[in-house]
């Protein structure tokens, strides 16, 4: 399984970009983004905006290009079974060996070593750091010498050779990590990180921007743009007349801009808390989906570039199943399913069960996101038409509530999926966050399904691409029948790029807007 790239994103439409690039010298590019990172550094944030900024500061072992093909970055080459660097061992274990490419350095001049990757893994394994937990399939990582990284897997894992292992500067952070692990995420490094990528951080003005300068001796080639600025906006409307050359906010443009559609791997959906008796019956969940007109809501709420989702894997994903069950807008089917599940209309039009309980659901999303809040209103209206009541409750600490599974019934957010993900981290029952596992899973839904678990386990360990596709098609058939979540749409992000800026080829994953920022150039 490719490691889940789990993040929550927001986008809005409607503003107009009026500024031109002429006011800014051509040694600078300003990138407009919605929102602002909470933390910088690999593995410390689930926000997509942090991923886009981090991609200019940090480089991992393996990268992905615009065609979602893996290529070596800090790794000298991609390990394969053929070159002997990926070995299958007894007891279903594996060992993957990477050689570190010479020339990569931290921005203080210290060489990047295999030990820095081992250290990043150790930081991620320690819950007190607040870092995103590493793939549990990895049993141990070692660095027999500074140029060799050995990753031992306790089980077979598809695409283990292109796992995106990160690096952290051991020489700067190890003492702090041993003394106070929590300080790694909240201390000076998180506010002013020293990376190993094509740009180094100059300043982070909270609420405004991050400024970076090109690394003169960067091993992949000195960036052509000396200064890179990430400008943060709370909404597209806030862009106004601000100078922006690469605009990922969803705002409108002018004649000096060209539109580039980012075919994303972003799954907008509504998580269902399956621990609640009100939604435990899958017929209720199917009724919720049949009740809504997603095409109408998509247009009314401003999701103008999105595509209605019928499963959780986007059409661009190599494991997507185009033949899954589809739930059209069918209020009569909703009413029938509710009746079959024992819910009948009460005097106020809201259905009740045999105990007299109303089917009333608490529905949360990220506060301040105008499109999501508008979507909430429209969904609540359509559900009420079939006898389902829902009320909004959008907590400021949405991610904390979600991560601890403390939401009542429904939670709207998005996953940014990895191009090789099988969703094991999201949908496997072993990944339900709980106190016992220190809330380190992301199956916020509480979905438990034995066949689903078995198929995900097999798909994650299957080295044959054809067999893995077959398994994941079955998984999506199970998913669309059981509906642990309500699929809404896949988000295709519109990007506006100044017509004289060349080389911008965004892809729809965290860091995918800026994966090749060192190759951007101004041209007449």
Protein backbone atom coordinates (compact mmCIF):
# COMPACT_ATOMS: atom_id res chain seq x y z
CA UNK A 1 0.00 0.00 0.00
CA UNK A 2 1.26 3.45 -0.86
CA UNK A 3 1.29 5.47 2.32
CA UNK A 4 -1.88 7.41 2.73
CA UNK A 5 -1.48 11.01 2.21
CA UNK A 6 -4.14 12.20 4.40
CA UNK A 7 -5.09 15.81 4.48
CA UNK A 8 -7.92 18.22 4.67
CA UNK A 9 -8.24 20.87 1.98
CA UNK A 10 -10.43 23.90 1.39
CA UNK A 11 -11.14 25.96 -1.73
CA UNK A 12 -13.38 28.83 -2.69
CA UNK A 13 -14.33 30.68 -5.84
CA UNK A 14 -15.31 34.14 -6.88
CA UNK A 15 -12.48 36.65 -6.50
CA UNK A 16 -10.70 38.37 -9.37
CA UNK A 17 -6.98 38.75 -9.78
CA UNK A 18 -6.27 42.23 -11.05
CA UNK A 19 -2.55 42.62 -10.46
CA UNK A 20 0.05 41.82 -13.11
CA UNK A 21 3.54 40.46 -12.86
CA UNK A 22 5.05 43.70 -14.16
CA UNK A 23 5.02 45.21 -10.67
CA UNK A 24 7.30 42.46 -9.41
CA UNK A 25 10.87 41.88 -10.62
CA UNK A 26 11.36 38.70 -12.56
CA UNK A 27 13.63 37.25 -9.90
CA UNK A 28 10.56 36.46 -7.79
CA UNK A 29 7.53 34.20 -8.02
CA UNK A 30 4.56 34.63 -5.68
CA UNK A 31 2.38 31.57 -5.15
CA UNK A 32 -1.12 32.17 -3.79
CA UNK A 33 -2.54 29.47 -1.53
CA UNK A 34 -5.70 29.10 0.52
CA UNK A 35 -5.00 28.79 4.22
CA UNK A 36 -1.69 28.68 6.04
CA UNK A 37 0.43 25.80 7.35
CA UNK A 38 0.05 24.96 11.02
CA UNK A 39 3.53 23.41 11.04
CA UNK A 40 6.39 23.02 8.59
CA UNK A 41 8.65 20.02 8.23
CA UNK A 42 7.92 16.59 6.71
CA UNK A 43 5.35 14.56 8.59
CA UNK A 44 4.22 17.32 10.98
CA UNK A 45 1.04 18.52 9.26
CA UNK A 46 -1.95 16.98 7.50
CA UNK A 47 -2.83 20.26 5.75
CA UNK A 48 -2.35 20.32 1.98
CA UNK A 49 -1.08 23.90 2.14
CA UNK A 50 1.80 22.73 4.35
CA UNK A 51 2.65 20.06 1.79
CA UNK A 52 2.96 22.62 -0.98
CA UNK A 53 5.32 24.79 1.07
CA UNK A 54 7.32 21.83 2.37
CA UNK A 55 7.97 20.59 -1.18
CA UNK A 56 10.22 23.59 -1.79
CA UNK A 57 12.08 23.14 1.51
CA UNK A 58 12.42 19.36 1.80
CA UNK A 59 13.17 16.49 -0.56
CA UNK A 60 12.56 12.80 0.18
CA UNK A 61 14.03 9.60 -1.20
CA UNK A 62 11.51 9.22 -4.02
CA UNK A 63 9.47 11.82 -5.89
CA UNK A 64 6.41 11.77 -8.14
CA UNK A 65 6.24 13.63 -11.43
CA UNK A 66 3.24 15.15 -13.20
CA UNK A 67 2.35 11.76 -14.67
CA UNK A 68 2.33 10.22 -11.17
CA UNK A 69 5.44 8.22 -12.00
CA UNK A 70 8.00 7.64 -9.28
CA UNK A 71 11.56 8.87 -9.80
CA UNK A 72 14.63 8.93 -7.52
CA UNK A 73 15.55 12.14 -5.70
CA UNK A 74 17.75 11.66 -2.63
CA UNK A 75 17.89 7.99 -3.61
CA UNK A 76 20.48 7.27 -6.28
CA UNK A 77 18.07 4.85 -7.97
CA UNK A 78 14.79 3.07 -7.32
CA UNK A 79 15.28 -0.36 -5.74
CA UNK A 80 13.78 -3.22 -7.73
CA UNK A 81 13.64 -6.99 -7.51
CA UNK A 82 15.75 -7.03 -10.68
CA UNK A 83 18.61 -4.87 -9.37
CA UNK A 84 18.69 -6.79 -6.10
CA UNK A 85 17.97 -3.82 -3.85
CA UNK A 86 14.45 -5.12 -3.11
CA UNK A 87 14.61 -8.60 -1.60
CA UNK A 88 11.83 -11.00 -0.62
CA UNK A 89 12.67 -12.79 2.61
CA UNK A 90 11.28 -15.84 4.44
CA UNK A 91 8.16 -15.43 6.59
CA UNK A 92 6.70 -12.98 4.05
CA UNK A 93 9.16 -10.25 5.07
CA UNK A 94 11.01 -7.89 2.72
CA UNK A 95 14.12 -5.75 2.73
CA UNK A 96 14.59 -2.63 0.60
CA UNK A 97 18.01 -0.98 0.31
CA UNK A 98 18.53 2.56 -0.93
CA UNK A 99 21.79 4.23 -1.88
CA UNK A 100 21.92 7.92 -1.00
CA UNK A 101 22.77 10.23 -3.87
CA UNK A 102 25.88 12.30 -3.15
CA UNK A 103 25.58 16.08 -3.00
CA UNK A 104 22.35 16.61 -1.03
CA UNK A 105 22.99 18.93 1.91
CA UNK A 106 21.02 20.52 4.69
CA UNK A 107 20.73 24.25 4.37
CA UNK A 108 23.43 24.69 7.01
CA UNK A 109 25.86 22.81 4.73
CA UNK A 110 25.82 19.45 6.54
CA UNK A 111 25.55 16.45 4.17
CA UNK A 112 22.27 14.51 4.14
CA UNK A 113 22.81 10.92 5.27
CA UNK A 114 20.86 7.71 5.59
CA UNK A 115 20.91 8.30 9.34
CA UNK A 116 18.68 11.35 8.79
CA UNK A 117 16.01 9.09 7.26
CA UNK A 118 16.28 6.67 10.20
CA UNK A 119 15.94 9.63 12.57
CA UNK A 120 12.82 10.91 10.77
CA UNK A 121 11.30 7.45 11.16
CA UNK A 122 12.14 7.41 14.87
CA UNK A 123 10.51 10.83 15.32
CA UNK A 124 7.36 9.67 13.50
CA UNK A 125 7.14 6.54 15.69
CA UNK A 126 7.13 8.59 18.89
CA UNK A 127 3.52 9.71 19.60
CA UNK A 128 4.67 12.62 21.78
CA UNK A 129 6.13 14.40 18.74
CA UNK A 130 2.69 14.78 17.19
CA UNK A 131 4.10 13.58 13.87
CA UNK A 132 2.08 11.51 11.44
CA UNK A 133 2.66 7.87 12.36
CA UNK A 134 4.80 5.87 9.93
CA UNK A 135 3.63 2.85 7.99
CA UNK A 136 3.20 0.09 10.60
CA UNK A 137 4.44 -2.45 8.06
CA UNK A 138 8.00 -1.22 8.58
CA UNK A 139 9.70 -3.24 11.31
CA UNK A 140 13.05 -1.46 11.40
CA UNK A 141 15.16 1.07 9.51
CA UNK A 142 18.95 1.10 9.73
CA UNK A 143 21.86 2.98 8.23
CA UNK A 144 24.88 0.66 7.99
CA UNK A 145 26.83 3.60 6.58
CA UNK A 146 25.99 7.25 5.73
CA UNK A 147 25.18 6.35 2.12
CA UNK A 148 23.03 3.25 2.71
CA UNK A 149 19.50 3.01 4.07
CA UNK A 150 17.99 -0.40 4.77
CA UNK A 151 14.24 -0.70 5.37
CA UNK A 152 12.94 -3.98 6.74
CA UNK A 153 9.25 -4.76 6.23
CA UNK A 154 7.44 -7.28 8.43
CA UNK A 155 5.17 -8.21 5.54
CA UNK A 156 5.04 -7.96 1.79
CA UNK A 157 3.91 -4.55 0.66
CA UNK A 158 3.14 -3.34 -2.85
CA UNK A 159 5.22 -0.35 -3.95
CA UNK A 160 7.44 -0.62 -0.88
CA UNK A 161 10.37 0.32 -3.10
CA UNK A 162 8.89 3.75 -3.87
CA UNK A 163 7.79 4.58 -0.33
CA UNK A 164 8.28 8.31 0.26
CA UNK A 165 10.70 8.16 3.20
CA UNK A 166 11.44 11.59 4.62
CA UNK A 167 14.56 13.10 6.16
CA UNK A 168 15.07 15.23 9.27
CA UNK A 169 18.44 16.73 10.32
CA UNK A 170 19.61 14.43 13.10
CA UNK A 171 22.56 16.72 13.92
CA UNK A 172 20.18 19.57 14.75
CA UNK A 173 17.25 17.79 16.38
CA UNK A 174 18.42 14.61 18.09
CA UNK A 175 19.36 16.19 21.43
CA UNK A 176 16.00 17.99 21.64
CA UNK A 177 14.16 14.83 20.59
CA UNK A 178 15.75 12.77 23.36
CA UNK A 179 15.08 15.44 25.99
CA UNK A 180 11.62 16.68 24.95
CA UNK A 181 9.97 14.85 22.01
CA UNK A 182 6.96 17.21 21.95
CA UNK A 183 9.27 20.15 21.32
CA UNK A 184 10.17 18.89 17.85
CA UNK A 185 6.77 19.92 16.49
CA UNK A 186 6.34 23.10 18.49
CA UNK A 187 9.89 24.43 18.87
CA UNK A 188 12.12 26.63 16.75
CA UNK A 189 12.63 24.07 13.99
CA UNK A 190 8.90 23.86 13.23
CA UNK A 191 8.74 27.65 12.88
CA UNK A 192 11.99 28.08 10.97
CA UNK A 193 12.96 24.68 9.58
CA UNK A 194 16.29 23.91 7.95
CA UNK A 195 15.60 21.71 4.96
CA UNK A 196 17.43 19.88 2.20
CA UNK A 197 15.39 21.10 -0.77
CA UNK A 198 15.91 23.66 -3.53
CA UNK A 199 14.84 26.64 -1.39
CA UNK A 200 15.79 27.73 2.12
CA UNK A 201 13.46 29.60 4.48
CA UNK A 202 14.13 33.29 4.99
CA UNK A 203 11.04 34.35 6.94
CA UNK A 204 7.60 33.18 7.96
CA UNK A 205 5.28 36.10 8.67
CA UNK A 206 2.26 34.49 10.31
CA UNK A 207 -1.00 35.30 8.60
CA UNK A 208 0.81 36.68 5.59
CA UNK A 209 3.55 34.74 3.79
CA UNK A 210 6.62 32.53 3.73
CA UNK A 211 9.67 33.87 1.87
CA UNK A 212 12.41 31.59 0.54
CA UNK A 213 15.67 32.02 -1.34
CA UNK A 214 17.14 29.61 -3.86
CA UNK A 215 19.92 27.31 -2.67
CA UNK A 216 22.91 28.28 -4.79
CA UNK A 217 24.57 24.86 -4.87
CA UNK A 218 21.44 22.70 -4.90
CA UNK A 219 22.42 19.28 -6.24
CA UNK A 220 19.54 18.98 -8.74
CA UNK A 221 20.50 22.36 -10.21
CA UNK A 222 20.22 25.91 -8.88
CA UNK A 223 16.60 27.12 -9.15
CA UNK A 224 16.11 29.70 -11.89
CA UNK A 225 13.84 31.81 -9.65
CA UNK A 226 15.96 33.41 -6.88
CA UNK A 227 13.06 34.29 -4.56
CA UNK A 228 9.94 32.26 -3.90
CA UNK A 229 7.07 33.66 -1.84
CA UNK A 230 4.04 31.70 -0.64
CA UNK A 231 1.21 34.14 0.05
CA UNK A 232 -1.59 32.83 2.27
CA UNK A 233 -5.23 33.87 1.86
CA UNK A 234 -8.19 32.98 4.09
CA UNK A 235 -10.48 32.89 1.04
CA UNK A 236 -10.38 33.47 -2.69
CA UNK A 237 -12.19 36.77 -2.18
CA UNK A 238 -9.26 37.98 -0.07
CA UNK A 239 -6.89 37.83 -3.05
CA UNK A 240 -8.28 41.07 -4.42
CA UNK A 241 -5.52 43.08 -6.11
CA UNK A 242 -2.65 41.20 -4.49
CA UNK A 243 0.28 40.32 -6.72
CA UNK A 244 0.18 36.58 -7.45
CA UNK A 245 1.88 34.74 -10.31
CA UNK A 246 0.79 31.18 -9.56
CA UNK A 247 -2.68 31.13 -8.09
CA UNK A 248 -4.04 28.01 -6.43
CA UNK A 249 -6.85 29.77 -4.56
CA UNK A 250 -9.57 29.18 -7.14
CA UNK A 251 -9.87 32.92 -7.85
CA UNK A 252 -10.50 34.31 -11.31
CA UNK A 253 -7.74 35.72 -13.51
CA UNK A 254 -7.03 38.11 -16.35
CA UNK A 255 -5.56 37.94 -19.84
CA UNK A 256 -2.04 37.51 -18.45
CA UNK A 257 -3.00 34.17 -16.85
CA UNK A 258 -3.54 30.73 -18.28
CA UNK A 259 -5.83 28.21 -16.61
CA UNK A 260 -4.43 24.80 -15.72
CA UNK A 261 -6.76 22.17 -14.26
CA UNK A 262 -5.17 19.99 -11.62
CA UNK A 263 -6.71 16.54 -11.91
CA UNK A 264 -6.72 15.83 -8.23
CA UNK A 265 -6.80 12.82 -5.97
CA UNK A 266 -8.98 14.67 -3.47
CA UNK A 267 -12.04 12.82 -2.16
CA UNK A 268 -14.66 15.12 -0.64
CA UNK A 269 -17.09 13.11 1.45
CA UNK A 270 -19.06 12.83 4.66
CA UNK A 271 -17.73 10.44 7.29
CA UNK A 272 -20.39 8.49 9.17
CA UNK A 273 -19.76 7.54 12.78
CA UNK A 274 -20.81 3.91 12.64
CA UNK A 275 -20.77 3.57 16.41
CA UNK A 276 -24.03 5.49 16.52
CA UNK A 277 -27.11 3.22 16.56
CA UNK A 278 -28.95 5.75 14.38
CA UNK A 279 -26.76 5.06 11.34
CA UNK A 280 -25.57 1.51 12.02
CA UNK A 281 -28.07 0.01 9.59
CA UNK A 282 -26.63 0.35 6.08
CA UNK A 283 -30.12 0.97 4.70
CA UNK A 284 -30.16 4.27 6.61
CA UNK A 285 -26.81 5.19 5.09
CA UNK A 286 -28.05 4.28 1.61
CA UNK A 287 -31.17 6.37 2.24
CA UNK A 288 -28.98 9.35 3.16
CA UNK A 289 -27.20 9.11 -0.19
CA UNK A 290 -30.30 8.49 -2.33
CA UNK A 291 -31.91 11.57 -0.77
CA UNK A 292 -29.36 14.05 -2.11
CA UNK A 293 -28.97 15.58 -5.54
CA UNK A 294 -25.20 15.91 -5.66
CA UNK A 295 -25.11 17.46 -9.13
CA UNK A 296 -27.46 20.24 -8.06
CA UNK A 297 -25.62 20.83 -4.79
CA UNK A 298 -22.26 20.86 -6.57
CA UNK A 299 -23.36 23.78 -8.74
CA UNK A 300 -25.31 25.64 -6.06
CA UNK A 301 -22.49 25.49 -3.50
CA UNK A 302 -19.71 26.44 -5.93
CA UNK A 303 -17.95 23.12 -6.57
CA UNK A 304 -17.84 23.99 -10.26
CA UNK A 305 -14.82 21.91 -11.34
CA UNK A 306 -15.59 18.83 -9.27
CA UNK A 307 -16.85 15.43 -10.46
CA UNK A 308 -19.53 13.52 -8.55
CA UNK A 309 -17.98 10.52 -6.78
CA UNK A 310 -19.45 7.02 -6.82
CA UNK A 311 -16.62 5.34 -4.94
CA UNK A 312 -13.74 6.62 -2.82
CA UNK A 313 -10.95 6.22 -5.40
CA UNK A 314 -10.83 8.90 -8.13
CA UNK A 315 -10.95 8.00 -11.84
CA UNK A 316 -7.31 9.06 -12.19
CA UNK A 317 -6.20 6.52 -9.60
CA UNK A 318 -4.88 3.26 -11.13
CA UNK A 319 -7.05 1.18 -8.77
CA UNK A 320 -10.33 3.00 -9.50
CA UNK A 321 -13.38 0.81 -10.17
CA UNK A 322 -15.67 2.48 -12.75
CA UNK A 323 -18.36 -0.22 -12.43
CA UNK A 324 -19.46 0.21 -8.81
CA UNK A 325 -23.06 0.64 -7.71
CA UNK A 326 -24.30 4.19 -8.28
CA UNK A 327 -26.81 5.99 -6.08
CA UNK A 328 -28.83 8.52 -8.03
CA UNK A 329 -31.07 11.17 -6.56
CA UNK A 330 -34.10 9.05 -5.66
CA UNK A 331 -36.15 10.30 -2.68
CA UNK A 332 -38.67 7.48 -3.06
CA UNK A 333 -35.91 4.89 -2.63
CA UNK A 334 -34.78 6.79 0.46
CA UNK A 335 -38.23 6.60 2.02
CA UNK A 336 -38.53 2.90 1.15
CA UNK A 337 -35.12 2.07 2.67
CA UNK A 338 -35.96 4.00 5.84
CA UNK A 339 -39.25 2.12 6.16
CA UNK A 340 -37.49 -1.22 5.66
CA UNK A 341 -35.07 -0.25 8.44
CA UNK A 342 -37.98 0.48 10.81
CA UNK A 343 -38.20 4.25 10.50
CA UNK A 344 -41.68 5.70 9.94
CA UNK A 345 -42.78 9.35 9.65
CA UNK A 346 -43.78 11.17 12.83
CA UNK A 347 -46.25 14.06 13.20
CA UNK A 348 -43.52 16.60 12.36
CA UNK A 349 -42.48 14.72 9.21
CA UNK A 350 -39.27 13.36 10.77
CA UNK A 351 -39.03 9.57 10.84
CA UNK A 352 -38.95 7.69 14.12
CA UNK A 353 -37.95 4.17 15.11
CA UNK A 354 -39.99 1.71 17.18
CA UNK A 355 -38.68 3.32 20.38
CA UNK A 356 -39.98 6.71 19.26
CA UNK A 357 -36.50 8.19 18.63
CA UNK A 358 -36.28 10.78 15.86
CA UNK A 359 -33.69 10.26 13.15
CA UNK A 360 -31.84 13.48 13.95
CA UNK A 361 -28.14 13.67 13.09
CA UNK A 362 -25.39 16.05 14.19
CA UNK A 363 -23.42 17.22 11.16
CA UNK A 364 -20.02 18.95 11.38
CA UNK A 365 -17.49 20.32 8.92
CA UNK A 366 -14.48 22.66 8.90
CA UNK A 367 -15.70 26.03 10.21
CA UNK A 368 -15.32 29.09 8.00
CA UNK A 369 -15.30 27.16 4.74
CA UNK A 370 -18.08 28.85 2.81
CA UNK A 371 -18.55 26.10 0.22
CA UNK A 372 -18.75 23.36 2.82
CA UNK A 373 -21.14 25.35 4.99
CA UNK A 374 -23.35 26.06 2.00
CA UNK A 375 -23.22 22.36 1.14
CA UNK A 376 -24.30 21.54 4.69
CA UNK A 377 -27.37 23.77 4.34
CA UNK A 378 -28.38 22.19 1.04
CA UNK A 379 -27.89 18.65 2.32
CA UNK A 380 -29.91 19.33 5.46
CA UNK A 381 -32.78 20.65 3.32
CA UNK A 382 -32.77 17.61 1.02
CA UNK A 383 -32.57 15.14 3.89
CA UNK A 384 -35.50 16.80 5.62
CA UNK A 385 -37.57 16.21 2.50
CA UNK A 386 -37.35 12.44 3.14
CA UNK A 387 -37.83 12.72 6.91
CA UNK A 388 -34.23 12.92 8.16
CA UNK A 389 -33.35 15.80 10.46
CA UNK A 390 -29.81 17.14 10.74
CA UNK A 391 -28.29 20.10 12.53
CA UNK A 392 -24.96 21.84 12.07
CA UNK A 393 -22.25 21.83 14.73
CA UNK A 394 -18.92 23.03 13.33
CA UNK A 395 -16.33 23.02 16.12
CA UNK A 396 -13.22 25.19 15.96
CA UNK A 397 -11.16 22.12 16.85
CA UNK A 398 -12.66 20.07 14.01
CA UNK A 399 -9.54 17.95 13.40
CA UNK A 400 -9.15 17.07 17.07
CA UNK A 401 -12.81 16.07 17.35
CA UNK A 402 -12.50 14.00 14.18
CA UNK A 403 -9.22 12.39 15.20
CA UNK A 404 -10.66 11.23 18.53
CA UNK A 405 -13.94 10.15 16.93
CA UNK A 406 -15.94 12.47 19.15
CA UNK A 407 -18.29 13.66 16.41
CA UNK A 408 -21.95 12.76 16.72
CA UNK A 409 -22.91 11.31 13.36
CA UNK A 410 -21.59 13.09 10.24
CA UNK A 411 -18.34 14.92 9.40
CA UNK A 412 -17.59 16.49 6.01
CA UNK A 413 -13.94 16.78 4.94
CA UNK A 414 -11.59 15.53 2.23
CA UNK A 415 -8.80 13.02 1.85
CA UNK A 416 -5.91 13.75 -0.46
CA UNK A 417 -5.02 10.26 -1.58
CA UNK A 418 -1.68 8.91 -2.61
CA UNK A 419 -1.49 7.60 -6.18
CA UNK A 420 -0.64 4.11 -4.89
CA UNK A 421 -2.92 4.05 -1.87
CA UNK A 422 -5.15 1.05 -1.22
CA UNK A 423 -6.84 2.90 1.62
CA UNK A 424 -5.69 0.40 4.23
CA UNK A 425 -5.04 3.20 6.69
CA UNK A 426 -8.51 4.66 6.16
CA UNK A 427 -10.77 1.64 5.88
CA UNK A 428 -9.12 -1.25 7.75
CA UNK A 429 -10.68 -1.99 11.14
CA UNK A 430 -7.24 -2.15 12.80
CA UNK A 431 -6.84 1.56 12.05
CA UNK A 432 -9.82 2.80 14.07
CA UNK A 433 -8.33 5.47 16.37
CA UNK A 434 -8.82 4.73 20.05
CA UNK A 435 -7.17 5.32 23.36
CA UNK A 436 -5.58 1.86 23.16
CA UNK A 437 -3.61 2.81 20.04
CA UNK A 438 -3.08 6.44 21.11
CA UNK A 439 -5.51 7.57 18.38
CA UNK A 440 -2.99 6.74 15.67
CA UNK A 441 -5.39 5.37 13.06
CA UNK A 442 -7.47 7.34 10.59
CA UNK A 443 -10.48 5.04 10.24
CA UNK A 444 -12.57 7.79 11.80
CA UNK A 445 -15.71 5.99 10.61
CA UNK A 446 -15.30 3.00 12.91
CA UNK A 447 -15.90 0.69 9.94
CA UNK A 448 -15.51 -2.99 10.74
CA UNK A 449 -16.02 -5.45 7.89
CA UNK A 450 -14.19 -8.77 7.77
CA UNK A 451 -14.12 -9.22 3.99
CA UNK A 452 -13.02 -5.61 3.50
CA UNK A 453 -10.14 -6.17 5.95
CA UNK A 454 -9.12 -9.38 4.21
CA UNK A 455 -9.16 -7.78 0.75
CA UNK A 456 -7.19 -4.75 1.93
CA UNK A 457 -4.59 -6.99 3.58
CA UNK A 458 -4.22 -8.98 0.37
CA UNK A 459 -4.08 -5.92 -1.87
CA UNK A 460 -1.45 -4.27 0.29
CA UNK A 461 0.82 -7.30 0.00
CA UNK A 462 0.12 -8.19 -3.62
CA UNK A 463 3.09 -7.48 -5.89
CA UNK A 464 1.17 -8.21 -9.10
CA UNK A 465 -0.41 -5.02 -10.47
CA UNK A 466 -3.19 -6.93 -12.25
CA UNK A 467 -4.14 -8.93 -9.17
CA UNK A 468 -4.05 -5.79 -6.99
CA UNK A 469 -6.46 -4.04 -9.38
CA UNK A 470 -8.80 -7.04 -9.16
CA UNK A 471 -8.71 -7.00 -5.36
CA UNK A 472 -9.32 -3.27 -5.11
CA UNK A 473 -12.27 -3.48 -7.46
CA UNK A 474 -13.83 -5.93 -5.05
CA UNK A 475 -13.02 -3.64 -2.12
CA UNK A 476 -14.86 -0.76 -3.78
CA UNK A 477 -17.87 -3.00 -4.46
CA UNK A 478 -18.03 -3.75 -0.74
CA UNK A 479 -17.53 -0.08 0.10
CA UNK A 480 -20.32 1.21 -2.12
CA UNK A 481 -22.73 -1.40 -0.73
CA UNK A 482 -21.87 -0.71 2.91
CA UNK A 483 -21.31 3.06 2.61
CA UNK A 484 -19.18 3.89 5.66
CA UNK A 485 -19.15 7.39 4.16
CA UNK A 486 -21.26 9.45 1.79
CA UNK A 487 -19.26 10.13 -1.39
CA UNK A 488 -19.70 13.68 -2.66
CA UNK A 489 -17.16 14.55 -5.36
CA UNK A 490 -13.57 14.41 -6.50
CA UNK A 491 -11.96 17.80 -6.50
CA UNK A 492 -10.15 19.08 -9.57
CA UNK A 493 -8.29 22.22 -8.54
CA UNK A 494 -8.19 25.08 -11.06
CA UNK A 495 -4.79 26.77 -11.15
CA UNK A 496 -3.96 30.10 -12.76
CA UNK A 497 -0.40 30.54 -13.98
CA UNK A 498 1.13 33.71 -15.43
CA UNK A 499 1.62 33.09 -19.13
CA UNK A 500 5.32 34.07 -18.94
CA UNK A 501 6.06 31.61 -16.15
CA UNK A 502 7.04 28.22 -17.52
CA UNK A 503 7.46 24.77 -16.01
CA UNK A 504 4.48 24.79 -13.61
CA UNK A 505 2.96 21.30 -13.83
CA UNK A 506 0.87 20.77 -10.69
CA UNK A 507 -0.43 17.39 -9.58
CA UNK A 508 -3.25 16.82 -7.13
CA UNK A 509 -1.38 15.54 -4.07
CA UNK A 510 0.18 17.36 -1.08
CA UNK A 511 3.28 19.09 -2.39
CA UNK A 512 2.05 18.39 -5.89
CA UNK A 513 1.66 22.05 -6.79
CA UNK A 514 5.38 22.67 -6.27
CA UNK A 515 7.05 19.28 -6.82
CA UNK A 516 9.28 20.77 -9.57
CA UNK A 517 9.53 24.36 -8.35
CA UNK A 518 13.29 24.35 -8.94
CA UNK A 519 12.57 24.04 -12.69
CA UNK A 520 10.21 27.03 -12.98
CA UNK A 521 11.48 29.88 -15.17
CA UNK A 522 10.38 33.31 -16.32
CA UNK A 523 10.37 33.70 -20.10
CA UNK A 524 9.37 36.62 -22.34
